Amino acid sequence: MAGNQRYTNALHITVTAPYDVASGAPVRVGSICGIAQIAAKAGEKVTIWLDASWDVEVTGALATEGLPVYITAAGELNTTAAGNYLFGIALGTKAAAAGPVEVAPIGYTTQTAVGA
């Protein structure tokens, strides 16, 4: 067996925090989207999970399940595609105000900024 394997499935990984993050907060590092498991300051290592679903705050209305959720450069989630990156898929619905909704992160992607 190869001795150079780091992660079995690479679904729970450690990355460098691009900004200050709280435990349970969304994180995007390049083409990786997940949820922080611990708090970290910008530049520190943080473990993120790329799988599962999470109750996170999203700004904007989600009329039906299955709609995309986007992340800003500052790590905030919303329903606006222009200038943001796809973060995950909503597994619930909510009104336009900022509020919690269940979201499944997309994990790895090769996308560039939507509408950029």
PDB file of N, CA and C in Angstrom:
ATOM      1  N   MET A   1       0.844  -1.182   0.000  1.00  0.00           N
ATOM      2  CA  MET A   1       0.000   0.000   0.000  1.00  0.00           C
ATOM      3  C   MET A   1       0.886   1.241   0.000  1.00  0.00           C
ATOM      4  N   ALA A   2       0.472   2.247  -0.722  1.00  0.00           N
ATOM      5  CA  ALA A   2       1.232   3.497  -0.799  1.00  0.00           C
ATOM      6  C   ALA A   2       1.307   4.145   0.580  1.00  0.00           C
ATOM      7  N   GLY A   3       2.469   4.624   0.936  1.00  0.00           N
ATOM      8  CA  GLY A   3       2.665   5.237   2.245  1.00  0.00           C
ATOM      9  C   GLY A   3       2.547   6.753   2.235  1.00  0.00           C
ATOM     10  N   ASN A   4       2.166   7.333   1.112  1.00  0.00           N
ATOM     11  CA  ASN A   4       2.124   8.789   1.020  1.00  0.00           C
ATOM     12  C   ASN A   4       0.701   9.361   1.059  1.00  0.00           C
ATOM     13  N   GLN A   5      -0.281   8.522   1.393  1.00  0.00           N
ATOM     14  CA  GLN A   5      -1.667   9.007   1.481  1.00  0.00           C
ATOM     15  C   GLN A   5      -1.837   9.891   2.703  1.00  0.00           C
ATOM     16  N   ARG A   6      -2.515  11.033   2.534  1.00  0.00           N
ATOM     17  CA  ARG A   6      -2.765  11.968   3.633  1.00  0.00           C
ATOM     18  C   ARG A   6      -4.171  11.812   4.188  1.00  0.00           C
ATOM     19  N   TYR A   7      -5.173  11.753   3.318  1.00  0.00           N
ATOM     20  CA  TYR A   7      -6.580  11.626   3.699  1.00  0.00           C
ATOM     21  C   TYR A   7      -7.192  10.475   2.920  1.00  0.00           C
ATOM     22  N   THR A   8      -8.040   9.703   3.555  1.00  0.00           N
ATOM     23  CA  THR A   8      -8.690   8.598   2.868  1.00  0.00           C
ATOM     24  C   THR A   8      -9.686   9.104   1.826  1.00  0.00           C
ATOM     25  N   ASN A   9     -10.568  10.012   2.214  1.00  0.00           N
ATOM     26  CA  ASN A   9     -11.571  10.531   1.285  1.00  0.00           C
ATOM     27  C   ASN A   9     -11.434  12.024   1.042  1.00  0.00           C
ATOM     28  N   ALA A  10     -10.580  12.704   1.756  1.00  0.00           N
ATOM     29  CA  ALA A  10     -10.342  14.146   1.619  1.00  0.00           C
ATOM     30  C   ALA A  10     -11.626  14.955   1.761  1.00  0.00           C
ATOM     31  N   LEU A  11     -12.488  14.565   2.687  1.00  0.00           N
ATOM     32  CA  LEU A  11     -13.716  15.296   2.950  1.00  0.00           C
ATOM     33  C   LEU A  11     -13.611  16.166   4.196  1.00  0.00           C
ATOM     34  N   HIS A  12     -12.645  15.879   5.039  1.00  0.00           N
ATOM     35  CA  HIS A  12     -12.366  16.670   6.243  1.00  0.00           C
ATOM     36  C   HIS A  12     -10.885  17.016   6.168  1.00  0.00           C
ATOM     37  N   ILE A  13     -10.589  18.256   5.783  1.00  0.00           N
ATOM     38  CA  ILE A  13      -9.214  18.627   5.468  1.00  0.00           C
ATOM     39  C   ILE A  13      -8.791  19.864   6.259  1.00  0.00           C
ATOM     40  N   THR A  14      -7.502  20.124   6.266  1.00  0.00           N
ATOM     41  CA  THR A  14      -6.958  21.312   6.905  1.00  0.00           C
ATOM     42  C   THR A  14      -6.419  22.237   5.829  1.00  0.00           C
ATOM     43  N   VAL A  15      -6.828  23.510   5.910  1.00  0.00           N
ATOM     44  CA  VAL A  15      -6.407  24.540   4.959  1.00  0.00           C
ATOM     45  C   VAL A  15      -5.981  25.774   5.743  1.00  0.00           C
ATOM     46  N   THR A  16      -5.424  26.738   5.069  1.00  0.00           N
ATOM     47  CA  THR A  16      -5.076  28.015   5.689  1.00  0.00           C
ATOM     48  C   THR A  16      -6.275  28.949   5.588  1.00  0.00           C
ATOM     49  N   ALA A  17      -6.726  29.465   6.722  1.00  0.00           N
ATOM     50  CA  ALA A  17      -7.890  30.353   6.742  1.00  0.00           C
ATOM     51  C   ALA A  17      -7.600  31.621   5.937  1.00  0.00           C
ATOM     52  N   PRO A  18      -8.459  31.962   4.972  1.00  0.00           N
ATOM     53  CA  PRO A  18      -8.237  33.163   4.156  1.00  0.00           C
ATOM     54  C   PRO A  18      -8.672  34.444   4.878  1.00  0.00           C
ATOM     55  N   TYR A  19      -9.441  34.301   5.938  1.00  0.00           N
ATOM     56  CA  TYR A  19      -9.965  35.396   6.750  1.00  0.00           C
ATOM     57  C   TYR A  19     -10.285  34.801   8.116  1.00  0.00           C
ATOM     58  N   ASP A  20     -10.556  35.629   9.103  1.00  0.00           N
ATOM     59  CA  ASP A  20     -10.939  35.116  10.419  1.00  0.00           C
ATOM     60  C   ASP A  20     -12.235  34.331  10.281  1.00  0.00           C
ATOM     61  N   VAL A  21     -12.267  33.115  10.849  1.00  0.00           N
ATOM     62  CA  VAL A  21     -13.469  32.284  10.780  1.00  0.00           C
ATOM     63  C   VAL A  21     -13.833  31.791  12.172  1.00  0.00           C
ATOM     64  N   ALA A  22     -15.122  31.641  12.389  1.00  0.00           N
ATOM     65  CA  ALA A  22     -15.633  31.061  13.627  1.00  0.00           C
ATOM     66  C   ALA A  22     -15.943  29.591  13.375  1.00  0.00           C
ATOM     67  N   SER A  23     -15.978  28.814  14.413  1.00  0.00           N
ATOM     68  CA  SER A  23     -16.399  27.425  14.284  1.00  0.00           C
ATOM     69  C   SER A  23     -17.815  27.396  13.726  1.00  0.00           C
ATOM     70  N   GLY A  24     -18.042  26.597  12.699  1.00  0.00           N
ATOM     71  CA  GLY A  24     -19.357  26.504  12.076  1.00  0.00           C
ATOM     72  C   GLY A  24     -19.577  27.485  10.944  1.00  0.00           C
ATOM     73  N   ALA A  25     -18.574  28.298  10.621  1.00  0.00           N
ATOM     74  CA  ALA A  25     -18.702  29.313   9.573  1.00  0.00           C
ATOM     75  C   ALA A  25     -18.296  28.745   8.211  1.00  0.00           C
ATOM     76  N   PRO A  26     -18.884  29.288   7.139  1.00  0.00           N
ATOM     77  CA  PRO A  26     -18.483  28.870   5.798  1.00  0.00           C
ATOM     78  C   PRO A  26     -17.088  29.386   5.445  1.00  0.00           C
ATOM     79  N   VAL A  27     -16.361  28.576   4.677  1.00  0.00           N
ATOM     80  CA  VAL A  27     -14.997  28.930   4.269  1.00  0.00           C
ATOM     81  C   VAL A  27     -14.826  28.571   2.801  1.00  0.00           C
ATOM     82  N   ARG A  28     -14.204  29.488   2.045  1.00  0.00           N
ATOM     83  CA  ARG A  28     -13.808  29.190   0.668  1.00  0.00           C
ATOM     84  C   ARG A  28     -12.332  29.489   0.541  1.00  0.00           C
ATOM     85  N   VAL A  29     -11.579  28.483   0.116  1.00  0.00           N
ATOM     86  CA  VAL A  29     -10.148  28.630  -0.152  1.00  0.00           C
ATOM     87  C   VAL A  29      -9.936  28.181  -1.593  1.00  0.00           C
ATOM     88  N   GLY A  30      -9.735  29.138  -2.484  1.00  0.00           N
ATOM     89  CA  GLY A  30      -9.599  28.792  -3.902  1.00  0.00           C
ATOM     90  C   GLY A  30     -10.840  28.084  -4.396  1.00  0.00           C
ATOM     91  N   SER A  31     -10.703  26.837  -4.799  1.00  0.00           N
ATOM     92  CA  SER A  31     -11.822  26.044  -5.315  1.00  0.00           C
ATOM     93  C   SER A  31     -12.360  25.052  -4.296  1.00  0.00           C
ATOM     94  N   ILE A  32     -12.145  25.324  -3.006  1.00  0.00           N
ATOM     95  CA  ILE A  32     -12.598  24.444  -1.928  1.00  0.00           C
ATOM     96  C   ILE A  32     -13.623  25.189  -1.086  1.00  0.00           C
ATOM     97  N   CYS A  33     -14.791  24.583  -0.876  1.00  0.00           N
ATOM     98  CA  CYS A  33     -15.846  25.179  -0.048  1.00  0.00           C
ATOM     99  C   CYS A  33     -16.262  24.207   1.035  1.00  0.00           C
ATOM    100  N   GLY A  34     -16.267  24.686   2.285  1.00  0.00           N
ATOM    101  CA  GLY A  34     -16.673  23.830   3.393  1.00  0.00           C
ATOM    102  C   GLY A  34     -17.010  24.645   4.622  1.00  0.00           C
ATOM    103  N   ILE A  35     -17.166  23.951   5.744  1.00  0.00           N
ATOM    104  CA  ILE A  35     -17.544  24.558   7.014  1.00  0.00           C
ATOM    105  C   ILE A  35     -16.415  24.356   8.026  1.00  0.00           C
ATOM    106  N   ALA A  36     -16.001  25.461   8.674  1.00  0.00           N
ATOM    107  CA  ALA A  36     -14.924  25.412   9.658  1.00  0.00           C
ATOM    108  C   ALA A  36     -15.360  24.629  10.888  1.00  0.00           C
ATOM    109  N   GLN A  37     -14.490  23.768  11.379  1.00  0.00           N
ATOM    110  CA  GLN A  37     -14.780  22.994  12.575  1.00  0.00           C
ATOM    111  C   GLN A  37     -14.233  23.655  13.832  1.00  0.00           C
ATOM    112  N   ILE A  38     -13.288  24.560  13.647  1.00  0.00           N
ATOM    113  CA  ILE A  38     -12.710  25.313  14.761  1.00  0.00           C
ATOM    114  C   ILE A  38     -12.573  26.770  14.331  1.00  0.00           C
ATOM    115  N   ALA A  39     -12.464  27.664  15.289  1.00  0.00           N
ATOM    116  CA  ALA A  39     -12.208  29.068  14.972  1.00  0.00           C
ATOM    117  C   ALA A  39     -10.746  29.230  14.585  1.00  0.00           C
ATOM    118  N   ALA A  40     -10.472  30.153  13.689  1.00  0.00           N
ATOM    119  CA  ALA A  40      -9.091  30.422  13.271  1.00  0.00           C
ATOM    120  C   ALA A  40      -8.983  31.856  12.782  1.00  0.00           C
ATOM    121  N   LYS A  41      -7.832  32.442  12.993  1.00  0.00           N
ATOM    122  CA  LYS A  41      -7.524  33.768  12.454  1.00  0.00           C
ATOM    123  C   LYS A  41      -6.992  33.601  11.039  1.00  0.00           C
ATOM    124  N   ALA A  42      -7.081  34.656  10.260  1.00  0.00           N
ATOM    125  CA  ALA A  42      -6.543  34.633   8.897  1.00  0.00           C
ATOM    126  C   ALA A  42      -5.093  34.190   8.936  1.00  0.00           C
ATOM    127  N   GLY A  43      -4.736  33.242   8.072  1.00  0.00           N
ATOM    128  CA  GLY A  43      -3.367  32.734   7.998  1.00  0.00           C
ATOM    129  C   GLY A  43      -3.108  31.520   8.869  1.00  0.00           C
ATOM    130  N   GLU A  44      -4.013  31.202   9.794  1.00  0.00           N
ATOM    131  CA  GLU A  44      -3.864  30.014  10.642  1.00  0.00           C
ATOM    132  C   GLU A  44      -4.476  28.804   9.942  1.00  0.00           C
ATOM    133  N   LYS A  45      -4.073  27.626  10.366  1.00  0.00           N
ATOM    134  CA  LYS A  45      -4.658  26.396   9.840  1.00  0.00           C
ATOM    135  C   LYS A  45      -6.032  26.188  10.458  1.00  0.00           C
ATOM    136  N   VAL A  46      -6.975  25.727   9.643  1.00  0.00           N
ATOM    137  CA  VAL A  46      -8.335  25.456  10.094  1.00  0.00           C
ATOM    138  C   VAL A  46      -8.813  24.171   9.420  1.00  0.00           C
ATOM    139  N   THR A  47      -9.482  23.330  10.185  1.00  0.00           N
ATOM    140  CA  THR A  47     -10.066  22.116   9.633  1.00  0.00           C
ATOM    141  C   THR A  47     -11.459  22.441   9.120  1.00  0.00           C
ATOM    142  N   ILE A  48     -11.720  22.062   7.870  1.00  0.00           N
ATOM    143  CA  ILE A  48     -13.054  22.266   7.303  1.00  0.00           C
ATOM    144  C   ILE A  48     -13.609  20.934   6.816  1.00  0.00           C
ATOM    145  N   TRP A  49     -14.920  20.826   6.886  1.00  0.00           N
ATOM    146  CA  TRP A  49     -15.623  19.663   6.364  1.00  0.00           C
ATOM    147  C   TRP A  49     -16.266  20.055   5.044  1.00  0.00           C
ATOM    148  N   LEU A  50     -16.067  19.220   4.044  1.00  0.00           N
ATOM    149  CA  LEU A  50     -16.586  19.488   2.708  1.00  0.00           C
ATOM    150  C   LEU A  50     -17.891  18.749   2.449  1.00  0.00           C
ATOM    151  N   ASP A  51     -18.303  17.925   3.402  1.00  0.00           N
ATOM    152  CA  ASP A  51     -19.514  17.131   3.225  1.00  0.00           C
ATOM    153  C   ASP A  51     -20.529  17.467   4.311  1.00  0.00           C
ATOM    154  N   ALA A  52     -21.606  16.741   4.353  1.00  0.00           N
ATOM    155  CA  ALA A  52     -22.695  16.903   5.320  1.00  0.00           C
ATOM    156  C   ALA A  52     -23.563  18.100   4.952  1.00  0.00           C
ATOM    157  N   SER A  53     -24.457  18.478   5.846  1.00  0.00           N
ATOM    158  CA  SER A  53     -25.266  19.681   5.667  1.00  0.00           C
ATOM    159  C   SER A  53     -25.230  20.461   6.963  1.00  0.00           C
ATOM    160  N   TRP A  54     -25.405  21.771   6.853  1.00  0.00           N
ATOM    161  CA  TRP A  54     -25.185  22.666   7.988  1.00  0.00           C
ATOM    162  C   TRP A  54     -26.247  23.752   8.014  1.00  0.00           C
ATOM    163  N   ASP A  55     -26.669  24.132   9.203  1.00  0.00           N
ATOM    164  CA  ASP A  55     -27.539  25.288   9.359  1.00  0.00           C
ATOM    165  C   ASP A  55     -26.642  26.514   9.407  1.00  0.00           C
ATOM    166  N   VAL A  56     -26.701  27.339   8.376  1.00  0.00           N
ATOM    167  CA  VAL A  56     -25.854  28.529   8.272  1.00  0.00           C
ATOM    168  C   VAL A  56     -26.705  29.728   7.875  1.00  0.00           C
ATOM    169  N   GLU A  57     -26.224  30.925   8.192  1.00  0.00           N
ATOM    170  CA  GLU A  57     -26.951  32.141   7.844  1.00  0.00           C
ATOM    171  C   GLU A  57     -26.715  32.497   6.382  1.00  0.00           C
ATOM    172  N   VAL A  58     -27.824  32.736   5.684  1.00  0.00           N
ATOM    173  CA  VAL A  58     -27.796  33.122   4.277  1.00  0.00           C
ATOM    174  C   VAL A  58     -28.660  34.355   4.117  1.00  0.00           C
ATOM    175  N   THR A  59     -28.171  35.345   3.383  1.00  0.00           N
ATOM    176  CA  THR A  59     -28.956  36.540   3.082  1.00  0.00           C
ATOM    177  C   THR A  59     -29.617  36.367   1.727  1.00  0.00           C
ATOM    178  N   GLY A  60     -30.926  36.611   1.675  1.00  0.00           N
ATOM    179  CA  GLY A  60     -31.674  36.494   0.437  1.00  0.00           C
ATOM    180  C   GLY A  60     -32.698  35.381   0.501  1.00  0.00           C
ATOM    181  N   ALA A  61     -33.708  35.488  -0.331  1.00  0.00           N
ATOM    182  CA  ALA A  61     -34.792  34.512  -0.340  1.00  0.00           C
ATOM    183  C   ALA A  61     -34.391  33.224  -1.050  1.00  0.00           C
ATOM    184  N   LEU A  62     -34.864  32.116  -0.511  1.00  0.00           N
ATOM    185  CA  LEU A  62     -34.721  30.809  -1.135  1.00  0.00           C
ATOM    186  C   LEU A  62     -36.125  30.219  -1.211  1.00  0.00           C
ATOM    187  N   ALA A  63     -36.749  30.322  -2.389  1.00  0.00           N
ATOM    188  CA  ALA A  63     -38.151  29.945  -2.554  1.00  0.00           C
ATOM    189  C   ALA A  63     -38.365  28.436  -2.574  1.00  0.00           C
ATOM    190  N   THR A  64     -37.353  27.692  -3.046  1.00  0.00           N
ATOM    191  CA  THR A  64     -37.479  26.233  -3.122  1.00  0.00           C
ATOM    192  C   THR A  64     -36.180  25.568  -2.703  1.00  0.00           C
ATOM    193  N   GLU A  65     -36.272  24.330  -2.315  1.00  0.00           N
ATOM    194  CA  GLU A  65     -35.069  23.546  -2.026  1.00  0.00           C
ATOM    195  C   GLU A  65     -34.279  23.346  -3.317  1.00  0.00           C
ATOM    196  N   GLY A  66     -32.977  23.178  -3.202  1.00  0.00           N
ATOM    197  CA  GLY A  66     -32.153  22.900  -4.360  1.00  0.00           C
ATOM    198  C   GLY A  66     -31.579  24.113  -5.056  1.00  0.00           C
ATOM    199  N   LEU A  67     -31.843  25.300  -4.526  1.00  0.00           N
ATOM    200  CA  LEU A  67     -31.284  26.508  -5.135  1.00  0.00           C
ATOM    201  C   LEU A  67     -29.841  26.711  -4.704  1.00  0.00           C
ATOM    202  N   PRO A  68     -29.031  27.366  -5.544  1.00  0.00           N
ATOM    203  CA  PRO A  68     -27.637  27.612  -5.190  1.00  0.00           C
ATOM    204  C   PRO A  68     -27.492  28.674  -4.106  1.00  0.00           C
ATOM    205  N   VAL A  69     -26.450  28.512  -3.300  1.00  0.00           N
ATOM    206  CA  VAL A  69     -26.061  29.492  -2.283  1.00  0.00           C
ATOM    207  C   VAL A  69     -24.636  29.907  -2.623  1.00  0.00           C
ATOM    208  N   TYR A  70     -24.362  31.215  -2.569  1.00  0.00           N
ATOM    209  CA  TYR A  70     -23.070  31.761  -2.976  1.00  0.00           C
ATOM    210  C   TYR A  70     -22.308  32.303  -1.767  1.00  0.00           C
ATOM    211  N   ILE A  71     -20.983  32.408  -1.905  1.00  0.00           N
ATOM    212  CA  ILE A  71     -20.137  32.940  -0.849  1.00  0.00           C
ATOM    213  C   ILE A  71     -19.368  34.147  -1.377  1.00  0.00           C
ATOM    214  N   THR A  72     -19.287  35.185  -0.548  1.00  0.00           N
ATOM    215  CA  THR A  72     -18.536  36.391  -0.906  1.00  0.00           C
ATOM    216  C   THR A  72     -17.057  36.181  -0.575  1.00  0.00           C
ATOM    217  N   ALA A  73     -16.214  37.109  -0.988  1.00  0.00           N
ATOM    218  CA  ALA A  73     -14.786  37.051  -0.673  1.00  0.00           C
ATOM    219  C   ALA A  73     -14.532  37.141   0.829  1.00  0.00           C
ATOM    220  N   ALA A  74     -15.489  37.707   1.572  1.00  0.00           N
ATOM    221  CA  ALA A  74     -15.358  37.837   3.031  1.00  0.00           C
ATOM    222  C   ALA A  74     -15.954  36.648   3.781  1.00  0.00           C
ATOM    223  N   GLY A  75     -16.507  35.671   3.058  1.00  0.00           N
ATOM    224  CA  GLY A  75     -17.037  34.476   3.698  1.00  0.00           C
ATOM    225  C   GLY A  75     -18.499  34.536   4.086  1.00  0.00           C
ATOM    226  N   GLU A  76     -19.237  35.519   3.573  1.00  0.00           N
ATOM    227  CA  GLU A  76     -20.671  35.633   3.868  1.00  0.00           C
ATOM    228  C   GLU A  76     -21.470  34.888   2.796  1.00  0.00           C
ATOM    229  N   LEU A  77     -22.549  34.229   3.192  1.00  0.00           N
ATOM    230  CA  LEU A  77     -23.385  33.501   2.245  1.00  0.00           C
ATOM    231  C   LEU A  77     -24.589  34.330   1.843  1.00  0.00           C
ATOM    232  N   ASN A  78     -24.941  34.237   0.547  1.00  0.00           N
ATOM    233  CA  ASN A  78     -26.128  34.925   0.055  1.00  0.00           C
ATOM    234  C   ASN A  78     -26.662  34.208  -1.178  1.00  0.00           C
ATOM    235  N   THR A  79     -27.685  34.794  -1.782  1.00  0.00           N
ATOM    236  CA  THR A  79     -28.308  34.196  -2.964  1.00  0.00           C
ATOM    237  C   THR A  79     -27.949  34.938  -4.242  1.00  0.00           C
ATOM    238  N   THR A  80     -26.935  35.791  -4.180  1.00  0.00           N
ATOM    239  CA  THR A  80     -26.530  36.615  -5.321  1.00  0.00           C
ATOM    240  C   THR A  80     -25.358  35.978  -6.062  1.00  0.00           C
ATOM    241  N   ALA A  81     -25.585  35.641  -7.322  1.00  0.00           N
ATOM    242  CA  ALA A  81     -24.540  35.004  -8.119  1.00  0.00           C
ATOM    243  C   ALA A  81     -23.454  35.989  -8.552  1.00  0.00           C
ATOM    244  N   ALA A  82     -23.841  37.193  -8.957  1.00  0.00           N
ATOM    245  CA  ALA A  82     -22.902  38.159  -9.545  1.00  0.00           C
ATOM    246  C   ALA A  82     -21.742  38.470  -8.617  1.00  0.00           C
ATOM    247  N   GLY A  83     -20.527  38.168  -9.072  1.00  0.00           N
ATOM    248  CA  GLY A  83     -19.320  38.485  -8.334  1.00  0.00           C
ATOM    249  C   GLY A  83     -18.988  37.556  -7.185  1.00  0.00           C
ATOM    250  N   ASN A  84     -19.823  36.553  -6.945  1.00  0.00           N
ATOM    251  CA  ASN A  84     -19.595  35.611  -5.849  1.00  0.00           C
ATOM    252  C   ASN A  84     -19.279  34.229  -6.388  1.00  0.00           C
ATOM    253  N   TYR A  85     -18.987  33.295  -5.498  1.00  0.00           N
ATOM    254  CA  TYR A  85     -18.649  31.925  -5.859  1.00  0.00           C
ATOM    255  C   TYR A  85     -19.730  30.984  -5.360  1.00  0.00           C
ATOM    256  N   LEU A  86     -20.046  29.958  -6.121  1.00  0.00           N
ATOM    257  CA  LEU A  86     -20.984  28.945  -5.672  1.00  0.00           C
ATOM    258  C   LEU A  86     -20.404  28.267  -4.433  1.00  0.00           C
ATOM    259  N   PHE A  87     -21.176  28.216  -3.355  1.00  0.00           N
ATOM    260  CA  PHE A  87     -20.744  27.580  -2.115  1.00  0.00           C
ATOM    261  C   PHE A  87     -21.418  26.235  -1.904  1.00  0.00           C
ATOM    262  N   GLY A  88     -22.722  26.190  -2.162  1.00  0.00           N
ATOM    263  CA  GLY A  88     -23.452  24.961  -1.897  1.00  0.00           C
ATOM    264  C   GLY A  88     -24.875  25.044  -2.388  1.00  0.00           C
ATOM    265  N   ILE A  89     -25.665  24.090  -1.918  1.00  0.00           N
ATOM    266  CA  ILE A  89     -27.047  23.967  -2.345  1.00  0.00           C
ATOM    267  C   ILE A  89     -27.946  24.048  -1.115  1.00  0.00           C
ATOM    268  N   ALA A  90     -28.999  24.876  -1.205  1.00  0.00           N
ATOM    269  CA  ALA A  90     -29.953  25.012  -0.108  1.00  0.00           C
ATOM    270  C   ALA A  90     -30.811  23.752  -0.014  1.00  0.00           C
ATOM    271  N   LEU A  91     -30.971  23.258   1.214  1.00  0.00           N
ATOM    272  CA  LEU A  91     -31.816  22.091   1.445  1.00  0.00           C
ATOM    273  C   LEU A  91     -33.109  22.487   2.149  1.00  0.00           C
ATOM    274  N   GLY A  92     -33.373  23.788   2.158  1.00  0.00           N
ATOM    275  CA  GLY A  92     -34.582  24.316   2.767  1.00  0.00           C
ATOM    276  C   GLY A  92     -34.964  25.605   2.077  1.00  0.00           C
ATOM    277  N   THR A  93     -35.966  26.277   2.623  1.00  0.00           N
ATOM    278  CA  THR A  93     -36.434  27.550   2.078  1.00  0.00           C
ATOM    279  C   THR A  93     -36.393  28.603   3.176  1.00  0.00           C
ATOM    280  N   LYS A  94     -36.416  29.883   2.777  1.00  0.00           N
ATOM    281  CA  LYS A  94     -36.443  30.973   3.743  1.00  0.00           C
ATOM    282  C   LYS A  94     -36.809  32.274   3.055  1.00  0.00           C
ATOM    283  N   ALA A  95     -37.214  33.261   3.878  1.00  0.00           N
ATOM    284  CA  ALA A  95     -37.558  34.590   3.374  1.00  0.00           C
ATOM    285  C   ALA A  95     -36.291  35.352   3.007  1.00  0.00           C
ATOM    286  N   ALA A  96     -36.465  36.570   2.494  1.00  0.00           N
ATOM    287  CA  ALA A  96     -35.356  37.373   1.981  1.00  0.00           C
ATOM    288  C   ALA A  96     -34.392  37.875   3.050  1.00  0.00           C
ATOM    289  N   ALA A  97     -34.831  38.040   4.271  1.00  0.00           N
ATOM    290  CA  ALA A  97     -33.941  38.540   5.322  1.00  0.00           C
ATOM    291  C   ALA A  97     -32.829  37.532   5.604  1.00  0.00           C
ATOM    292  N   ALA A  98     -31.757  37.997   6.242  1.00  0.00           N
ATOM    293  CA  ALA A  98     -30.687  37.087   6.659  1.00  0.00           C
ATOM    294  C   ALA A  98     -31.248  36.140   7.705  1.00  0.00           C
ATOM    295  N   GLY A  99     -30.940  34.869   7.557  1.00  0.00           N
ATOM    296  CA  GLY A  99     -31.433  33.887   8.507  1.00  0.00           C
ATOM    297  C   GLY A  99     -30.869  32.515   8.209  1.00  0.00           C
ATOM    298  N   PRO A 100     -31.059  31.582   9.130  1.00  0.00           N
ATOM    299  CA  PRO A 100     -30.495  30.246   8.961  1.00  0.00           C
ATOM    300  C   PRO A 100     -31.275  29.390   7.969  1.00  0.00           C
ATOM    301  N   VAL A 101     -30.547  28.567   7.248  1.00  0.00           N
ATOM    302  CA  VAL A 101     -31.133  27.576   6.352  1.00  0.00           C
ATOM    303  C   VAL A 101     -30.129  26.434   6.229  1.00  0.00           C
ATOM    304  N   GLU A 102     -30.613  25.242   5.986  1.00  0.00           N
ATOM    305  CA  GLU A 102     -29.733  24.090   5.815  1.00  0.00           C
ATOM    306  C   GLU A 102     -29.089  24.143   4.432  1.00  0.00           C
ATOM    307  N   VAL A 103     -27.745  24.030   4.414  1.00  0.00           N
ATOM    308  CA  VAL A 103     -26.981  24.100   3.162  1.00  0.00           C
ATOM    309  C   VAL A 103     -25.974  22.951   3.123  1.00  0.00           C
ATOM    310  N   ALA A 104     -25.840  22.329   1.969  1.00  0.00           N
ATOM    311  CA  ALA A 104     -24.816  21.317   1.731  1.00  0.00           C
ATOM    312  C   ALA A 104     -23.707  21.953   0.900  1.00  0.00           C
ATOM    313  N   PRO A 105     -22.476  22.063   1.437  1.00  0.00           N
ATOM    314  CA  PRO A 105     -21.375  22.646   0.660  1.00  0.00           C
ATOM    315  C   PRO A 105     -21.044  21.789  -0.561  1.00  0.00           C
ATOM    316  N   ILE A 106     -20.518  22.430  -1.601  1.00  0.00           N
ATOM    317  CA  ILE A 106     -20.174  21.678  -2.809  1.00  0.00           C
ATOM    318  C   ILE A 106     -18.834  20.970  -2.688  1.00  0.00           C
ATOM    319  N   GLY A 107     -18.026  21.336  -1.703  1.00  0.00           N
ATOM    320  CA  GLY A 107     -16.720  20.691  -1.548  1.00  0.00           C
ATOM    321  C   GLY A 107     -15.717  21.250  -2.524  1.00  0.00           C
ATOM    322  N   TYR A 108     -15.317  20.459  -3.515  1.00  0.00           N
ATOM    323  CA  TYR A 108     -14.333  20.885  -4.506  1.00  0.00           C
ATOM    324  C   TYR A 108     -15.014  21.351  -5.781  1.00  0.00           C
ATOM    325  N   THR A 109     -14.452  22.371  -6.412  1.00  0.00           N
ATOM    326  CA  THR A 109     -15.001  22.872  -7.669  1.00  0.00           C
ATOM    327  C   THR A 109     -13.873  23.449  -8.520  1.00  0.00           C
ATOM    328  N   THR A 110     -14.138  23.616  -9.791  1.00  0.00           N
ATOM    329  CA  THR A 110     -13.169  24.251 -10.688  1.00  0.00           C
ATOM    330  C   THR A 110     -13.702  25.579 -11.182  1.00  0.00           C
ATOM    331  N   GLN A 111     -14.726  26.100 -10.518  1.00  0.00           N
ATOM    332  CA  GLN A 111     -15.383  27.340 -10.943  1.00  0.00           C
ATOM    333  C   GLN A 111     -14.510  28.578 -10.777  1.00  0.00           C
ATOM    334  N   THR A 112     -14.901  29.615 -11.484  1.00  0.00           N
ATOM    335  CA  THR A 112     -14.380  30.952 -11.259  1.00  0.00           C
ATOM    336  C   THR A 112     -15.546  31.783 -10.715  1.00  0.00           C
ATOM    337  N   ALA A 113     -15.323  33.013 -10.365  1.00  0.00           N
ATOM    338  CA  ALA A 113     -16.384  33.841  -9.833  1.00  0.00           C
ATOM    339  C   ALA A 113     -17.533  33.916 -10.831  1.00  0.00           C
ATOM    340  N   VAL A 114     -18.735  33.715 -10.345  1.00  0.00           N
ATOM    341  CA  VAL A 114     -19.923  33.793 -11.169  1.00  0.00           C
ATOM    342  C   VAL A 114     -20.174  35.248 -11.514  1.00  0.00           C
ATOM    343  N   GLY A 115     -20.408  35.550 -12.748  1.00  0.00           N
ATOM    344  CA  GLY A 115     -20.716  36.904 -13.167  1.00  0.00           C
ATOM    345  C   GLY A 115     -19.535  37.858 -13.142  1.00  0.00           C
ATOM    346  N   ALA A 116     -18.333  37.349 -12.912  1.00  0.00           N
ATOM    347  CA  ALA A 116     -17.154  38.227 -12.857  1.00  0.00           C
ATOM    348  C   ALA A 116     -16.657  38.560 -14.236  1.00  0.00           C
TER     349      ALA A 116
END
